[in-house]
């Protein structure tokens, strides 16, 4: 008996499986594509990518930069005072500005007399000639009749203190807001407001006599009695110092409340920050100066003394304190008298150069910064 033939395999299941795979693949691919709606903007917006630009203080290579700083410091120190041997080495020392002078220089000191007086009494002083320079500081008082309503309308800050003259001639000070809020106050009643202004004026004795300042006006007068010249060598009385040695000079004033330490510190900060105009220091640079931070003398976080703190400590201990009124030299840093003394602090050129380089290197460490160009 003959065997029946096997039926041929069907392709339908394979086709269906292929279709299912294609559908699943399409669904997965479509989910991965972000949905997006495109709009046409007229006119088109152009977006520019910002470019980062490195701003450098100087393009000098690191090794050369160090050499430039050394040269800059040396030139700066050389020009702090007149070079050795020059004839014009006379420095005038006022109460507001310290100066550097060389060992072979001379000092001009205005002989100042301070006096609390009145203009009338001052004009009766027969020791004053017509050209005697005078500096007067006084408080000018002005009285104005007005009303509280006018003050309210003209003064925006209601916390301003108002001084009123009362009926008995006494003065009363109060905030404008308090005056306006007082019960049973007639804001339109006349009141006398007193305004005081502090003025500082310079005159000759002749100009003061011709001014309109009342003779009864109380003043603090500074009388310039002329110029006193002194030799640095005569004051220091030391033949051991070379003529290129430098001294920082400061005339003691009423504002010197931090003693010698503060005098030396503020003098260095002011003089080094002020700088000097020098030609050919570096490319595109003619002003030599460095900034000494105000807290540079504070101890380090480790508790050790800072660089500037060590410098100041040495200078306080070796300072010269000269009383030009009595022609005497003192050494006690706690005994300084305003208007009578000059502080002389000796610096070698190398010490000043080290100070300049130290703070210039701190400046160079922070010279490179980043900015977004426009």
Protein backbone atom coordinates (compact mmCIF):
# COMPACT_ATOMS: atom_id res chain seq x y z
CA UNK A 1 0.00 0.00 0.00
CA UNK A 2 1.44 3.41 -1.05
CA UNK A 3 2.27 6.16 1.59
CA UNK A 4 0.51 9.57 1.31
CA UNK A 5 2.82 12.68 0.62
CA UNK A 6 3.50 15.20 3.47
CA UNK A 7 1.86 18.65 3.05
CA UNK A 8 4.28 21.53 2.17
CA UNK A 9 5.13 23.89 5.15
CA UNK A 10 3.10 27.17 5.22
CA UNK A 11 4.91 30.62 4.97
CA UNK A 12 2.06 32.48 6.60
CA UNK A 13 3.34 32.25 10.23
CA UNK A 14 6.76 33.55 9.21
CA UNK A 15 5.26 36.51 7.33
CA UNK A 16 3.04 37.36 10.30
CA UNK A 17 6.03 37.25 12.69
CA UNK A 18 8.01 39.57 10.38
CA UNK A 19 5.10 42.03 10.27
CA UNK A 20 4.85 42.04 14.08
CA UNK A 21 8.60 42.77 14.41
CA UNK A 22 8.38 45.65 11.93
CA UNK A 23 5.42 47.18 13.80
CA UNK A 24 7.18 46.91 17.19
CA UNK A 25 10.37 48.41 15.74
CA UNK A 26 8.47 51.36 14.30
CA UNK A 27 6.70 52.01 17.60
CA UNK A 28 9.98 51.94 19.56
CA UNK A 29 11.77 54.20 17.08
CA UNK A 30 8.91 56.71 17.04
CA UNK A 31 8.98 56.96 20.87
CA UNK A 32 12.67 57.86 20.81
CA UNK A 33 12.17 60.86 18.48
CA UNK A 34 11.21 64.09 20.31
CA UNK A 35 7.98 65.62 19.22
CA UNK A 36 8.63 69.10 17.82
CA UNK A 37 6.58 71.84 16.28
CA UNK A 38 8.48 74.10 13.93
CA UNK A 39 7.54 77.74 13.45
CA UNK A 40 8.90 80.18 10.95
CA UNK A 41 9.97 83.50 12.53
CA UNK A 42 10.24 86.57 10.36
CA UNK A 43 12.74 88.14 10.48
CA UNK A 44 14.91 85.21 11.57
CA UNK A 45 16.66 85.39 14.98
CA UNK A 46 20.41 84.94 14.88
CA UNK A 47 21.98 83.50 18.05
CA UNK A 48 25.68 84.14 18.53
CA UNK A 49 27.78 81.95 20.76
CA UNK A 50 29.73 84.03 23.35
CA UNK A 51 33.47 83.77 23.12
CA UNK A 52 35.60 83.52 26.25
CA UNK A 53 38.57 85.85 26.19
CA UNK A 54 41.50 85.60 28.58
CA UNK A 55 42.47 89.02 29.90
CA UNK A 56 46.03 89.22 31.07
CA UNK A 57 47.71 92.13 32.79
CA UNK A 58 50.88 91.63 30.83
CA UNK A 59 51.99 89.23 28.15
CA UNK A 60 55.47 88.97 29.62
CA UNK A 61 56.65 85.41 30.20
CA UNK A 62 56.84 84.26 33.87
CA UNK A 63 60.63 84.44 34.08
CA UNK A 64 60.75 87.80 32.34
CA UNK A 65 57.85 89.05 34.49
CA UNK A 66 59.94 88.49 37.61
CA UNK A 67 62.81 90.44 36.09
CA UNK A 68 60.48 93.29 35.12
CA UNK A 69 59.10 93.45 38.68
CA UNK A 70 62.62 93.67 40.11
CA UNK A 71 63.52 96.49 37.72
CA UNK A 72 60.25 98.27 38.43
CA UNK A 73 60.84 98.05 42.19
CA UNK A 74 64.41 99.30 41.90
CA UNK A 75 63.39 102.29 39.78
CA UNK A 76 60.49 103.07 42.10
CA UNK A 77 62.73 103.12 45.19
CA UNK A 78 65.38 105.23 43.42
CA UNK A 79 62.77 107.89 42.63
CA UNK A 80 61.06 107.97 46.05
CA UNK A 81 63.38 110.84 46.96
CA UNK A 82 65.84 112.98 45.04
CA UNK A 83 68.89 110.98 43.88
CA UNK A 84 72.05 111.27 46.03
CA UNK A 85 74.15 114.35 45.31
CA UNK A 86 71.38 116.51 43.86
CA UNK A 87 71.14 119.99 45.34
CA UNK A 88 67.35 120.15 45.52
CA UNK A 89 66.69 117.69 48.33
CA UNK A 90 64.56 119.90 50.52
CA UNK A 91 61.29 118.30 51.62
CA UNK A 92 58.45 120.24 53.22
CA UNK A 93 56.65 118.22 55.90
CA UNK A 94 53.02 119.14 56.49
CA UNK A 95 50.56 117.50 58.86
CA UNK A 96 48.69 115.75 56.08
CA UNK A 97 51.37 114.10 53.93
CA UNK A 98 54.41 112.01 54.82
CA UNK A 99 57.46 112.08 52.56
CA UNK A 100 60.67 110.17 51.88
CA UNK A 101 63.99 111.99 52.08
CA UNK A 102 67.61 110.85 51.79
CA UNK A 103 70.17 110.89 54.56
CA UNK A 104 71.83 114.01 53.15
CA UNK A 105 68.55 115.88 52.62
CA UNK A 106 67.00 118.78 54.50
CA UNK A 107 63.53 119.23 55.99
CA UNK A 108 61.36 122.34 55.91
CA UNK A 109 58.88 122.42 58.77
CA UNK A 110 56.13 125.04 58.89
CA UNK A 111 56.08 126.44 62.43
CA UNK A 112 52.40 126.12 63.25
CA UNK A 113 50.63 127.50 66.29
CA UNK A 114 47.15 126.21 67.15
CA UNK A 115 44.84 128.46 69.14
CA UNK A 116 41.18 128.46 70.22
CA UNK A 117 40.10 132.09 70.09
CA UNK A 118 37.74 134.55 68.43
CA UNK A 119 38.29 136.55 65.26
CA UNK A 120 38.36 139.78 67.27
CA UNK A 121 41.02 138.51 69.69
CA UNK A 122 43.09 137.18 66.80
CA UNK A 123 43.05 140.54 65.05
CA UNK A 124 44.35 142.21 68.22
CA UNK A 125 47.47 139.99 68.24
CA UNK A 126 50.34 142.37 67.47
CA UNK A 127 52.67 139.47 66.59
CA UNK A 128 50.72 138.91 63.35
CA UNK A 129 51.78 140.92 60.35
CA UNK A 130 49.56 141.54 57.34
CA UNK A 131 50.89 138.52 55.39
CA UNK A 132 50.83 135.94 58.20
CA UNK A 133 49.02 132.83 56.84
CA UNK A 134 46.02 131.72 58.91
CA UNK A 135 43.80 128.65 58.68
CA UNK A 136 40.51 129.04 60.52
CA UNK A 137 38.02 126.31 61.37
CA UNK A 138 34.71 127.45 62.73
CA UNK A 139 31.02 126.64 62.93
CA UNK A 140 28.75 129.05 61.13
CA UNK A 141 25.25 129.40 62.61
CA UNK A 142 22.27 130.45 60.51
CA UNK A 143 18.74 131.12 61.78
CA UNK A 144 15.70 130.86 59.52
CA UNK A 145 12.04 131.58 60.28
CA UNK A 146 9.72 129.04 58.68
CA UNK A 147 6.86 126.64 59.58
CA UNK A 148 6.63 122.93 60.27
CA UNK A 149 4.36 122.59 57.24
CA UNK A 150 7.06 124.14 55.02
CA UNK A 151 9.64 121.78 56.49
CA UNK A 152 7.31 118.83 55.85
CA UNK A 153 6.90 119.89 52.23
CA UNK A 154 10.61 120.50 51.56
CA UNK A 155 12.31 117.67 53.51
CA UNK A 156 11.77 114.14 52.24
CA UNK A 157 13.63 112.39 55.06
CA UNK A 158 11.35 112.73 58.06
CA UNK A 159 14.03 111.27 60.35
CA UNK A 160 16.20 114.37 59.90
CA UNK A 161 17.08 116.09 63.15
CA UNK A 162 15.73 119.64 63.36
CA UNK A 163 17.11 122.25 65.77
CA UNK A 164 14.56 124.82 66.90
CA UNK A 165 15.12 127.98 68.89
CA UNK A 166 12.48 128.25 71.60
CA UNK A 167 10.89 131.39 73.03
CA UNK A 168 13.33 131.54 75.96
CA UNK A 169 16.35 131.34 73.63
CA UNK A 170 17.16 127.69 74.39
CA UNK A 171 17.51 125.08 71.68
CA UNK A 172 15.45 121.97 71.12
CA UNK A 173 16.46 119.09 68.83
CA UNK A 174 13.99 116.48 67.60
CA UNK A 175 13.19 114.35 64.58
CA UNK A 176 11.00 116.12 62.04
CA UNK A 177 8.53 113.21 62.24
CA UNK A 178 8.19 113.68 66.01
CA UNK A 179 7.60 117.40 65.63
CA UNK A 180 4.90 116.82 63.03
CA UNK A 181 3.13 114.15 65.10
CA UNK A 182 2.90 116.14 68.32
CA UNK A 183 -0.66 116.76 69.51
CA UNK A 184 -2.11 120.25 69.28
CA UNK A 185 0.78 121.38 67.07
CA UNK A 186 -0.01 124.23 64.71
CA UNK A 187 2.00 123.31 61.62
CA UNK A 188 1.51 126.77 60.17
CA UNK A 189 2.83 128.62 63.22
CA UNK A 190 6.22 130.32 62.72
CA UNK A 191 9.28 128.50 64.09
CA UNK A 192 12.98 129.43 64.11
CA UNK A 193 15.25 126.72 62.65
CA UNK A 194 18.95 126.79 63.49
CA UNK A 195 21.41 125.37 60.93
CA UNK A 196 25.11 124.90 61.73
CA UNK A 197 27.81 124.44 59.08
CA UNK A 198 31.49 123.70 59.79
CA UNK A 199 33.85 125.69 57.57
CA UNK A 200 37.61 125.72 57.04
CA UNK A 201 39.02 128.86 55.43
CA UNK A 202 42.53 130.13 54.70
CA UNK A 203 43.38 133.82 55.00
CA UNK A 204 46.24 136.16 55.52
CA UNK A 205 45.81 138.42 58.55
CA UNK A 206 44.96 141.31 56.19
CA UNK A 207 42.32 139.26 54.33
CA UNK A 208 40.72 138.19 57.61
CA UNK A 209 40.44 141.80 58.78
CA UNK A 210 38.65 142.65 55.53
CA UNK A 211 36.29 139.66 55.66
CA UNK A 212 32.67 139.74 56.83
CA UNK A 213 33.25 137.22 59.63
CA UNK A 214 31.94 138.63 62.91
CA UNK A 215 34.58 139.52 65.53
CA UNK A 216 32.67 137.42 68.06
CA UNK A 217 32.96 134.30 65.89
CA UNK A 218 34.75 131.51 67.79
CA UNK A 219 37.46 129.81 65.72
CA UNK A 220 40.22 127.25 65.92
CA UNK A 221 43.13 129.11 64.35
CA UNK A 222 46.32 127.60 62.90
CA UNK A 223 48.95 130.33 62.59
CA UNK A 224 51.93 129.75 60.29
CA UNK A 225 54.89 131.44 61.95
CA UNK A 226 57.33 130.70 59.14
CA UNK A 227 59.56 127.85 58.03
CA UNK A 228 62.14 125.99 60.10
CA UNK A 229 64.83 124.11 58.16
CA UNK A 230 66.62 121.07 59.58
CA UNK A 231 69.28 118.71 58.29
CA UNK A 232 68.46 114.99 58.47
CA UNK A 233 72.08 114.23 59.37
CA UNK A 234 71.96 116.72 62.24
CA UNK A 235 68.77 115.17 63.60
CA UNK A 236 69.89 111.56 63.33
CA UNK A 237 73.50 112.30 64.36
CA UNK A 238 74.76 109.08 62.85
CA UNK A 239 77.70 108.83 60.48
CA UNK A 240 77.16 105.12 59.89
CA UNK A 241 74.35 105.48 57.37
CA UNK A 242 75.15 105.85 53.65
CA UNK A 243 73.86 108.90 51.84
CA UNK A 244 71.46 106.77 49.78
CA UNK A 245 69.69 105.64 52.97
CA UNK A 246 66.06 106.72 52.99
CA UNK A 247 63.92 108.08 55.80
CA UNK A 248 60.15 108.20 55.89
CA UNK A 249 59.17 111.47 57.58
CA UNK A 250 55.84 112.16 59.24
CA UNK A 251 54.73 115.13 61.29
CA UNK A 252 52.62 114.00 64.26
CA UNK A 253 49.07 115.36 64.22
CA UNK A 254 45.88 114.97 66.23
CA UNK A 255 44.66 112.26 63.83
CA UNK A 256 47.55 109.92 64.72
CA UNK A 257 45.61 107.83 67.22
CA UNK A 258 47.20 104.45 66.39
CA UNK A 259 50.71 105.42 67.46
CA UNK A 260 53.91 104.70 65.58
CA UNK A 261 52.69 101.40 64.15
CA UNK A 262 49.71 103.08 62.48
CA UNK A 263 51.83 106.02 61.29
CA UNK A 264 54.33 103.78 59.48
CA UNK A 265 51.66 101.45 58.09
CA UNK A 266 49.44 104.23 56.69
CA UNK A 267 52.50 106.01 55.29
CA UNK A 268 53.63 102.96 53.31
CA UNK A 269 50.10 102.21 52.11
CA UNK A 270 49.57 105.79 50.95
CA UNK A 271 52.96 106.27 49.27
CA UNK A 272 53.07 102.91 47.47
CA UNK A 273 49.45 103.21 46.30
CA UNK A 274 50.03 106.77 45.08
CA UNK A 275 52.88 105.48 42.95
CA UNK A 276 55.32 107.27 40.69
CA UNK A 277 55.17 108.09 37.00
CA UNK A 278 58.22 106.42 35.44
CA UNK A 279 59.06 106.03 31.77
CA UNK A 280 59.81 102.68 30.20
CA UNK A 281 58.87 100.35 33.07
CA UNK A 282 57.08 97.83 30.89
CA UNK A 283 55.19 97.95 27.65
CA UNK A 284 52.16 100.27 27.85
CA UNK A 285 52.87 101.06 31.50
CA UNK A 286 54.29 104.25 33.00
CA UNK A 287 52.89 104.26 36.58
CA UNK A 288 54.78 102.19 39.12
CA UNK A 289 52.68 101.41 42.19
CA UNK A 290 51.42 98.56 44.32
CA UNK A 291 48.46 98.20 46.66
CA UNK A 292 49.22 97.20 50.23
CA UNK A 293 46.01 95.86 51.83
CA UNK A 294 44.91 97.59 55.02
CA UNK A 295 44.98 94.26 56.90
CA UNK A 296 48.38 93.19 55.56
CA UNK A 297 49.90 93.67 59.01
CA UNK A 298 47.51 91.24 60.70
CA UNK A 299 48.88 87.84 61.90
CA UNK A 300 48.56 84.92 59.50
CA UNK A 301 45.91 82.20 60.11
CA UNK A 302 48.72 80.08 61.58
CA UNK A 303 49.30 82.75 64.23
CA UNK A 304 52.67 83.78 62.82
CA UNK A 305 53.50 87.39 62.01
CA UNK A 306 52.82 88.55 58.47
CA UNK A 307 55.52 89.95 56.21
CA UNK A 308 54.39 93.54 56.79
CA UNK A 309 53.85 92.93 60.49
CA UNK A 310 57.50 91.95 60.89
CA UNK A 311 58.60 95.06 58.98
CA UNK A 312 56.47 97.37 61.12
CA UNK A 313 57.65 95.77 64.36
CA UNK A 314 61.31 96.36 63.42
CA UNK A 315 60.66 99.95 62.41
CA UNK A 316 58.75 100.86 65.57
CA UNK A 317 61.68 99.65 67.66
CA UNK A 318 64.28 101.58 65.61
CA UNK A 319 62.38 104.81 64.94
CA UNK A 320 63.61 108.35 65.59
CA UNK A 321 61.23 110.76 67.33
CA UNK A 322 62.44 114.35 67.05
CA UNK A 323 60.80 117.22 68.94
CA UNK A 324 61.54 120.28 66.83
CA UNK A 325 60.06 122.61 69.46
CA UNK A 326 62.59 121.60 72.10
CA UNK A 327 65.31 120.30 69.75
CA UNK A 328 65.42 116.93 71.52
CA UNK A 329 65.42 113.32 70.34
CA UNK A 330 63.24 110.64 71.91
CA UNK A 331 62.89 106.88 71.50
CA UNK A 332 59.71 106.04 73.39
CA UNK A 333 57.09 105.09 70.75
CA UNK A 334 54.30 105.77 73.25
CA UNK A 335 55.24 109.43 73.76
CA UNK A 336 54.28 111.37 70.67
CA UNK A 337 52.99 114.93 70.76
CA UNK A 338 50.87 116.45 67.95
CA UNK A 339 52.33 119.56 66.39
CA UNK A 340 55.73 119.17 68.05
CA UNK A 341 57.35 116.02 66.70
CA UNK A 342 58.58 114.45 63.50
CA UNK A 343 58.83 110.69 63.13
CA UNK A 344 61.87 109.53 61.13
CA UNK A 345 61.83 105.89 59.99
CA UNK A 346 65.02 104.59 58.40
CA UNK A 347 64.71 102.29 55.38
CA UNK A 348 67.48 100.86 53.26
CA UNK A 349 66.75 100.80 49.51
CA UNK A 350 66.78 96.98 49.66
CA UNK A 351 64.07 96.92 52.36
CA UNK A 352 61.76 99.14 50.32
CA UNK A 353 62.46 97.10 47.21
CA UNK A 354 61.48 93.89 49.06
CA UNK A 355 58.20 95.49 50.17
CA UNK A 356 57.42 96.54 46.60
CA UNK A 357 58.26 93.14 45.10
CA UNK A 358 56.30 91.24 47.77
CA UNK A 359 53.02 93.05 47.10
CA UNK A 360 53.67 93.30 43.34
CA UNK A 361 53.91 89.49 43.21
CA UNK A 362 50.56 89.25 44.98
CA UNK A 363 49.17 91.58 42.32
CA UNK A 364 50.61 89.45 39.51
CA UNK A 365 49.11 86.27 40.97
CA UNK A 366 45.66 87.79 40.52
CA UNK A 367 46.38 89.46 37.17
CA UNK A 368 44.69 86.88 34.90
CA UNK A 369 40.93 86.88 34.81
CA UNK A 370 38.19 85.82 32.43
CA UNK A 371 35.53 87.92 30.74
CA UNK A 372 32.83 87.43 28.09
CA UNK A 373 33.57 89.60 25.10
CA UNK A 374 30.65 91.62 23.72
